[in-house]
Amino acid sequence: TSEPHGRAGAFAIQDIGMQFIKRIDGNLST
């Protein structure tokens, strides 16, 4: 999808990568 190439850690929580997120702890905007 090319999304990982411009993202630190190779993933983006708010876009396509959201479907691979198991859990987040902290403020979403952060």
PDB file of all heavy atoms in Angstrom:
ATOM      1  N   THR A   1       0.827  -1.217   0.000  1.00  0.00           N
ATOM      2  CA  THR A   1       0.000   0.000   0.000  1.00  0.00           C
ATOM      3  C   THR A   1       0.858   1.262   0.000  1.00  0.00           C
ATOM      4  O   THR A   1       0.340   2.366  -0.190  1.00  0.00           O
ATOM      5  CB  THR A   1      -0.916   0.045   1.233  1.00  0.00           C
ATOM      6  OG1 THR A   1      -0.122   0.233   2.420  1.00  0.00           O
ATOM      7  CG2 THR A   1      -1.742  -1.217   1.360  1.00  0.00           C
ATOM      8  N   SER A   2       2.161   1.115   0.256  1.00  0.00           N
ATOM      9  CA  SER A   2       3.139   2.217   0.340  1.00  0.00           C
ATOM     10  C   SER A   2       3.030   3.023   1.628  1.00  0.00           C
ATOM     11  O   SER A   2       3.864   3.896   1.875  1.00  0.00           O
ATOM     12  CB  SER A   2       3.018   3.178  -0.860  1.00  0.00           C
ATOM     13  OG  SER A   2       3.314   2.507  -2.064  1.00  0.00           O
ATOM     14  N   GLU A   3       2.053   2.756   2.469  1.00  0.00           N
ATOM     15  CA  GLU A   3       1.909   3.531   3.700  1.00  0.00           C
ATOM     16  C   GLU A   3       3.117   3.404   4.638  1.00  0.00           C
ATOM     17  O   GLU A   3       3.547   4.413   5.223  1.00  0.00           O
ATOM     18  CB  GLU A   3       0.635   3.113   4.438  1.00  0.00           C
ATOM     19  CG  GLU A   3       0.381   3.931   5.694  1.00  0.00           C
ATOM     20  CD  GLU A   3      -0.977   3.629   6.320  1.00  0.00           C
ATOM     21  OE1 GLU A   3      -1.958   4.262   5.879  1.00  0.00           O
ATOM     22  OE2 GLU A   3      -1.055   2.759   7.211  1.00  0.00           O
ATOM     23  N   PRO A   4       3.701   2.214   4.810  1.00  0.00           N
ATOM     24  CA  PRO A   4       4.808   2.102   5.766  1.00  0.00           C
ATOM     25  C   PRO A   4       6.044   2.921   5.415  1.00  0.00           C
ATOM     26  O   PRO A   4       6.832   3.261   6.296  1.00  0.00           O
ATOM     27  CB  PRO A   4       5.129   0.600   5.753  1.00  0.00           C
ATOM     28  CG  PRO A   4       3.868  -0.061   5.318  1.00  0.00           C
ATOM     29  CD  PRO A   4       3.284   0.894   4.305  1.00  0.00           C
ATOM     30  N   HIS A   5       6.222   3.274   4.153  1.00  0.00           N
ATOM     31  CA  HIS A   5       7.483   3.893   3.723  1.00  0.00           C
ATOM     32  C   HIS A   5       7.690   5.285   4.309  1.00  0.00           C
ATOM     33  O   HIS A   5       8.824   5.693   4.534  1.00  0.00           O
ATOM     34  CB  HIS A   5       7.542   3.942   2.198  1.00  0.00           C
ATOM     35  CG  HIS A   5       7.541   2.587   1.565  1.00  0.00           C
ATOM     36  ND1 HIS A   5       8.590   1.712   1.700  1.00  0.00           N
ATOM     37  CD2 HIS A   5       6.611   1.933   0.824  1.00  0.00           C
ATOM     38  CE1 HIS A   5       8.318   0.584   1.056  1.00  0.00           C
ATOM     39  NE2 HIS A   5       7.108   0.692   0.523  1.00  0.00           N
ATOM     40  N   GLY A   6       6.639   6.014   4.573  1.00  0.00           N
ATOM     41  CA  GLY A   6       6.805   7.356   5.102  1.00  0.00           C
ATOM     42  C   GLY A   6       6.453   7.473   6.570  1.00  0.00           C
ATOM     43  O   GLY A   6       6.214   8.578   7.069  1.00  0.00           O
ATOM     44  N   ARG A   7       6.440   6.355   7.287  1.00  0.00           N
ATOM     45  CA  ARG A   7       5.983   6.364   8.676  1.00  0.00           C
ATOM     46  C   ARG A   7       7.049   5.801   9.608  1.00  0.00           C
ATOM     47  O   ARG A   7       7.628   4.744   9.343  1.00  0.00           O
ATOM     48  CB  ARG A   7       4.705   5.535   8.821  1.00  0.00           C
ATOM     49  CG  ARG A   7       3.627   5.866   7.802  1.00  0.00           C
ATOM     50  CD  ARG A   7       3.152   7.302   7.887  1.00  0.00           C
ATOM     51  NE  ARG A   7       2.147   7.599   6.882  1.00  0.00           N
ATOM     52  CZ  ARG A   7       0.895   7.945   7.166  1.00  0.00           C
ATOM     53  NH1 ARG A   7       0.509   8.039   8.418  1.00  0.00           N
ATOM     54  NH2 ARG A   7       0.038   8.206   6.192  1.00  0.00           N
ATOM     55  N   ALA A   8       7.278   6.509  10.687  1.00  0.00           N
ATOM     56  CA  ALA A   8       8.200   6.009  11.699  1.00  0.00           C
ATOM     57  C   ALA A   8       7.694   4.680  12.235  1.00  0.00           C
ATOM     58  O   ALA A   8       6.520   4.536  12.572  1.00  0.00           O
ATOM     59  CB  ALA A   8       8.328   7.019  12.838  1.00  0.00           C
ATOM     60  N   GLY A   9       8.577   3.695  12.275  1.00  0.00           N
ATOM     61  CA  GLY A   9       8.179   2.374  12.734  1.00  0.00           C
ATOM     62  C   GLY A   9       7.458   1.559  11.691  1.00  0.00           C
ATOM     63  O   GLY A   9       7.055   0.431  11.944  1.00  0.00           O
ATOM     64  N   ALA A  10       7.257   2.129  10.506  1.00  0.00           N
ATOM     65  CA  ALA A  10       6.644   1.438   9.356  1.00  0.00           C
ATOM     66  C   ALA A  10       5.150   1.190   9.501  1.00  0.00           C
ATOM     67  O   ALA A  10       4.591   0.336   8.822  1.00  0.00           O
ATOM     68  CB  ALA A  10       7.363   0.113   9.057  1.00  0.00           C
ATOM     69  N   PHE A  11       4.482   1.963  10.387  1.00  0.00           N
ATOM     70  CA  PHE A  11       3.036   1.797  10.474  1.00  0.00           C
ATOM     71  C   PHE A  11       2.382   3.120  10.845  1.00  0.00           C
ATOM     72  O   PHE A  11       3.017   4.018  11.395  1.00  0.00           O
ATOM     73  CB  PHE A  11       2.651   0.714  11.486  1.00  0.00           C
ATOM     74  CG  PHE A  11       2.895   1.093  12.925  1.00  0.00           C
ATOM     75  CD1 PHE A  11       1.879   1.648  13.691  1.00  0.00           C
ATOM     76  CD2 PHE A  11       4.130   0.887  13.517  1.00  0.00           C
ATOM     77  CE1 PHE A  11       2.089   1.994  15.013  1.00  0.00           C
ATOM     78  CE2 PHE A  11       4.357   1.228  14.845  1.00  0.00           C
ATOM     79  CZ  PHE A  11       3.334   1.786  15.592  1.00  0.00           C
ATOM     80  N   ALA A  12       1.100   3.230  10.505  1.00  0.00           N
ATOM     81  CA  ALA A  12       0.311   4.415  10.834  1.00  0.00           C
ATOM     82  C   ALA A  12      -0.974   3.965  11.516  1.00  0.00           C
ATOM     83  O   ALA A  12      -1.764   3.226  10.930  1.00  0.00           O
ATOM     84  CB  ALA A  12       0.001   5.220   9.575  1.00  0.00           C
ATOM     85  N   ILE A  13      -1.176   4.431  12.719  1.00  0.00           N
ATOM     86  CA  ILE A  13      -2.344   4.004  13.484  1.00  0.00           C
ATOM     87  C   ILE A  13      -3.648   4.529  12.890  1.00  0.00           C
ATOM     88  O   ILE A  13      -4.687   3.875  12.936  1.00  0.00           O
ATOM     89  CB  ILE A  13      -2.187   4.460  14.947  1.00  0.00           C
ATOM     90  CG1 ILE A  13      -1.208   3.528  15.656  1.00  0.00           C
ATOM     91  CG2 ILE A  13      -3.524   4.496  15.678  1.00  0.00           C
ATOM     92  CD1 ILE A  13      -0.936   3.890  17.081  1.00  0.00           C
ATOM     93  N   GLN A  14      -3.599   5.730  12.300  1.00  0.00           N
ATOM     94  CA  GLN A  14      -4.837   6.402  11.912  1.00  0.00           C
ATOM     95  C   GLN A  14      -5.300   6.083  10.502  1.00  0.00           C
ATOM     96  O   GLN A  14      -6.394   6.475  10.120  1.00  0.00           O
ATOM     97  CB  GLN A  14      -4.668   7.926  12.062  1.00  0.00           C
ATOM     98  CG  GLN A  14      -3.728   8.549  11.051  1.00  0.00           C
ATOM     99  CD  GLN A  14      -2.259   8.461  11.448  1.00  0.00           C
ATOM    100  OE1 GLN A  14      -1.887   7.660  12.293  1.00  0.00           O
ATOM    101  NE2 GLN A  14      -1.424   9.277  10.835  1.00  0.00           N
ATOM    102  N   ASP A  15      -4.501   5.391   9.722  1.00  0.00           N
ATOM    103  CA  ASP A  15      -4.869   5.147   8.326  1.00  0.00           C
ATOM    104  C   ASP A  15      -5.047   3.651   8.082  1.00  0.00           C
ATOM    105  O   ASP A  15      -5.698   2.969   8.866  1.00  0.00           O
ATOM    106  CB  ASP A  15      -3.824   5.774   7.396  1.00  0.00           C
ATOM    107  CG  ASP A  15      -3.852   7.292   7.450  1.00  0.00           C
ATOM    108  OD1 ASP A  15      -4.947   7.865   7.407  1.00  0.00           O
ATOM    109  OD2 ASP A  15      -2.783   7.913   7.532  1.00  0.00           O
ATOM    110  N   ILE A  16      -4.500   3.138   7.009  1.00  0.00           N
ATOM    111  CA  ILE A  16      -4.683   1.720   6.678  1.00  0.00           C
ATOM    112  C   ILE A  16      -4.199   0.827   7.805  1.00  0.00           C
ATOM    113  O   ILE A  16      -4.797  -0.205   8.112  1.00  0.00           O
ATOM    114  CB  ILE A  16      -3.933   1.388   5.369  1.00  0.00           C
ATOM    115  CG1 ILE A  16      -4.482   2.230   4.215  1.00  0.00           C
ATOM    116  CG2 ILE A  16      -4.049  -0.098   5.044  1.00  0.00           C
ATOM    117  CD1 ILE A  16      -3.655   2.135   2.942  1.00  0.00           C
ATOM    118  N   GLY A  17      -3.124   1.252   8.448  1.00  0.00           N
ATOM    119  CA  GLY A  17      -2.536   0.443   9.511  1.00  0.00           C
ATOM    120  C   GLY A  17      -3.424   0.240  10.715  1.00  0.00           C
ATOM    121  O   GLY A  17      -3.141  -0.612  11.565  1.00  0.00           O
ATOM    122  N   MET A  18      -4.511   0.997  10.808  1.00  0.00           N
ATOM    123  CA  MET A  18      -5.418   0.867  11.951  1.00  0.00           C
ATOM    124  C   MET A  18      -5.918  -0.567  12.123  1.00  0.00           C
ATOM    125  O   MET A  18      -6.144  -1.028  13.249  1.00  0.00           O
ATOM    126  CB  MET A  18      -6.599   1.816  11.776  1.00  0.00           C
ATOM    127  CG  MET A  18      -7.567   1.847  12.946  1.00  0.00           C
ATOM    128  SD  MET A  18      -8.944   2.992  12.673  1.00  0.00           S
ATOM    129  CE  MET A  18      -8.081   4.563  12.731  1.00  0.00           C
ATOM    130  N   GLN A  19      -6.093  -1.282  11.043  1.00  0.00           N
ATOM    131  CA  GLN A  19      -6.632  -2.639  11.132  1.00  0.00           C
ATOM    132  C   GLN A  19      -5.649  -3.633  11.740  1.00  0.00           C
ATOM    133  O   GLN A  19      -6.011  -4.770  12.047  1.00  0.00           O
ATOM    134  CB  GLN A  19      -7.065  -3.120   9.741  1.00  0.00           C
ATOM    135  CG  GLN A  19      -5.945  -3.172   8.718  1.00  0.00           C
ATOM    136  CD  GLN A  19      -6.488  -3.272   7.303  1.00  0.00           C
ATOM    137  OE1 GLN A  19      -7.018  -4.315   6.912  1.00  0.00           O
ATOM    138  NE2 GLN A  19      -6.370  -2.195   6.539  1.00  0.00           N
ATOM    139  N   PHE A  20      -4.381  -3.194  11.920  1.00  0.00           N
ATOM    140  CA  PHE A  20      -3.377  -4.068  12.519  1.00  0.00           C
ATOM    141  C   PHE A  20      -3.033  -3.663  13.955  1.00  0.00           C
ATOM    142  O   PHE A  20      -2.077  -4.189  14.522  1.00  0.00           O
ATOM    143  CB  PHE A  20      -2.104  -4.070  11.666  1.00  0.00           C
ATOM    144  CG  PHE A  20      -2.309  -4.598  10.277  1.00  0.00           C
ATOM    145  CD1 PHE A  20      -2.144  -3.773   9.175  1.00  0.00           C
ATOM    146  CD2 PHE A  20      -2.685  -5.920  10.069  1.00  0.00           C
ATOM    147  CE1 PHE A  20      -2.345  -4.255   7.892  1.00  0.00           C
ATOM    148  CE2 PHE A  20      -2.887  -6.409   8.794  1.00  0.00           C
ATOM    149  CZ  PHE A  20      -2.727  -5.577   7.698  1.00  0.00           C
ATOM    150  N   ILE A  21      -3.804  -2.739  14.535  1.00  0.00           N
ATOM    151  CA  ILE A  21      -3.524  -2.279  15.887  1.00  0.00           C
ATOM    152  C   ILE A  21      -4.341  -3.090  16.890  1.00  0.00           C
ATOM    153  O   ILE A  21      -5.570  -3.131  16.839  1.00  0.00           O
ATOM    154  CB  ILE A  21      -3.851  -0.784  16.036  1.00  0.00           C
ATOM    155  CG1 ILE A  21      -3.047   0.031  15.024  1.00  0.00           C
ATOM    156  CG2 ILE A  21      -3.553  -0.322  17.465  1.00  0.00           C
ATOM    157  CD1 ILE A  21      -1.549  -0.139  15.125  1.00  0.00           C
ATOM    158  N   LYS A  22      -3.647  -3.723  17.807  1.00  0.00           N
ATOM    159  CA  LYS A  22      -4.295  -4.522  18.837  1.00  0.00           C
ATOM    160  C   LYS A  22      -4.753  -3.663  20.004  1.00  0.00           C
ATOM    161  O   LYS A  22      -5.853  -3.849  20.545  1.00  0.00           O
ATOM    162  CB  LYS A  22      -3.321  -5.597  19.327  1.00  0.00           C
ATOM    163  CG  LYS A  22      -3.875  -6.544  20.373  1.00  0.00           C
ATOM    164  CD  LYS A  22      -2.829  -7.603  20.717  1.00  0.00           C
ATOM    165  CE  LYS A  22      -3.366  -8.631  21.696  1.00  0.00           C
ATOM    166  NZ  LYS A  22      -2.317  -9.662  21.999  1.00  0.00           N
ATOM    167  N   ARG A  23      -3.908  -2.700  20.387  1.00  0.00           N
ATOM    168  CA  ARG A  23      -4.224  -1.883  21.553  1.00  0.00           C
ATOM    169  C   ARG A  23      -3.393  -0.605  21.539  1.00  0.00           C
ATOM    170  O   ARG A  23      -2.263  -0.610  21.040  1.00  0.00           O
ATOM    171  CB  ARG A  23      -3.924  -2.662  22.838  1.00  0.00           C
ATOM    172  CG  ARG A  23      -4.091  -1.868  24.118  1.00  0.00           C
ATOM    173  CD  ARG A  23      -3.887  -2.732  25.338  1.00  0.00           C
ATOM    174  NE  ARG A  23      -3.916  -1.929  26.560  1.00  0.00           N
ATOM    175  CZ  ARG A  23      -3.903  -2.426  27.789  1.00  0.00           C
ATOM    176  NH1 ARG A  23      -3.880  -3.728  27.962  1.00  0.00           N
ATOM    177  NH2 ARG A  23      -3.911  -1.622  28.838  1.00  0.00           N
ATOM    178  N   ILE A  24      -3.975   0.472  22.060  1.00  0.00           N
ATOM    179  CA  ILE A  24      -3.202   1.681  22.307  1.00  0.00           C
ATOM    180  C   ILE A  24      -3.432   2.131  23.743  1.00  0.00           C
ATOM    181  O   ILE A  24      -4.515   1.941  24.291  1.00  0.00           O
ATOM    182  CB  ILE A  24      -3.548   2.827  21.329  1.00  0.00           C
ATOM    183  CG1 ILE A  24      -5.010   3.257  21.465  1.00  0.00           C
ATOM    184  CG2 ILE A  24      -3.222   2.451  19.902  1.00  0.00           C
ATOM    185  CD1 ILE A  24      -5.340   4.518  20.681  1.00  0.00           C
ATOM    186  N   ASP A  25      -2.414   2.680  24.346  1.00  0.00           N
ATOM    187  CA  ASP A  25      -2.498   3.249  25.687  1.00  0.00           C
ATOM    188  C   ASP A  25      -1.956   4.674  25.611  1.00  0.00           C
ATOM    189  O   ASP A  25      -0.790   4.876  25.292  1.00  0.00           O
ATOM    190  CB  ASP A  25      -1.674   2.434  26.687  1.00  0.00           C
ATOM    191  CG  ASP A  25      -2.248   1.043  26.915  1.00  0.00           C
ATOM    192  OD1 ASP A  25      -3.472   0.949  27.122  1.00  0.00           O
ATOM    193  OD2 ASP A  25      -1.483   0.068  26.880  1.00  0.00           O
ATOM    194  N   GLY A  26      -2.817   5.632  25.904  1.00  0.00           N
ATOM    195  CA  GLY A  26      -2.413   7.028  25.820  1.00  0.00           C
ATOM    196  C   GLY A  26      -3.431   7.825  25.029  1.00  0.00           C
ATOM    197  O   GLY A  26      -4.439   7.298  24.561  1.00  0.00           O
ATOM    198  N   ASN A  27      -3.157   9.092  24.866  1.00  0.00           N
ATOM    199  CA  ASN A  27      -4.068   9.964  24.139  1.00  0.00           C
ATOM    200  C   ASN A  27      -3.956   9.710  22.641  1.00  0.00           C
ATOM    201  O   ASN A  27      -2.847   9.683  22.090  1.00  0.00           O
ATOM    202  CB  ASN A  27      -3.746  11.425  24.466  1.00  0.00           C
ATOM    203  CG  ASN A  27      -4.739  12.374  23.839  1.00  0.00           C
ATOM    204  OD1 ASN A  27      -4.596  12.743  22.685  1.00  0.00           O
ATOM    205  ND2 ASN A  27      -5.745  12.759  24.589  1.00  0.00           N
ATOM    206  N   LEU A  28      -5.077   9.530  21.985  1.00  0.00           N
ATOM    207  CA  LEU A  28      -5.063   9.195  20.561  1.00  0.00           C
ATOM    208  C   LEU A  28      -4.398  10.287  19.731  1.00  0.00           C
ATOM    209  O   LEU A  28      -3.655   9.998  18.786  1.00  0.00           O
ATOM    210  CB  LEU A  28      -6.490   8.949  20.065  1.00  0.00           C
ATOM    211  CG  LEU A  28      -6.641   8.573  18.594  1.00  0.00           C
ATOM    212  CD1 LEU A  28      -5.846   7.322  18.258  1.00  0.00           C
ATOM    213  CD2 LEU A  28      -8.111   8.381  18.237  1.00  0.00           C
ATOM    214  N   SER A  29      -4.638  11.554  20.071  1.00  0.00           N
ATOM    215  CA  SER A  29      -4.029  12.627  19.283  1.00  0.00           C
ATOM    216  C   SER A  29      -2.513  12.616  19.409  1.00  0.00           C
ATOM    217  O   SER A  29      -1.792  12.922  18.453  1.00  0.00           O
ATOM    218  CB  SER A  29      -4.594  13.991  19.700  1.00  0.00           C
ATOM    219  OG  SER A  29      -4.235  14.330  21.026  1.00  0.00           O
ATOM    220  N   THR A  30      -2.009  12.236  20.574  1.00  0.00           N
ATOM    221  CA  THR A  30      -0.561  12.097  20.758  1.00  0.00           C
ATOM    222  C   THR A  30      -0.007  11.011  19.852  1.00  0.00           C
ATOM    223  O   THR A  30       1.019  11.180  19.186  1.00  0.00           O
ATOM    224  CB  THR A  30      -0.236  11.761  22.228  1.00  0.00           C
ATOM    225  OG1 THR A  30      -0.541  12.890  23.035  1.00  0.00           O
ATOM    226  CG2 THR A  30       1.220  11.389  22.405  1.00  0.00           C
TER     227      THR A  30
END
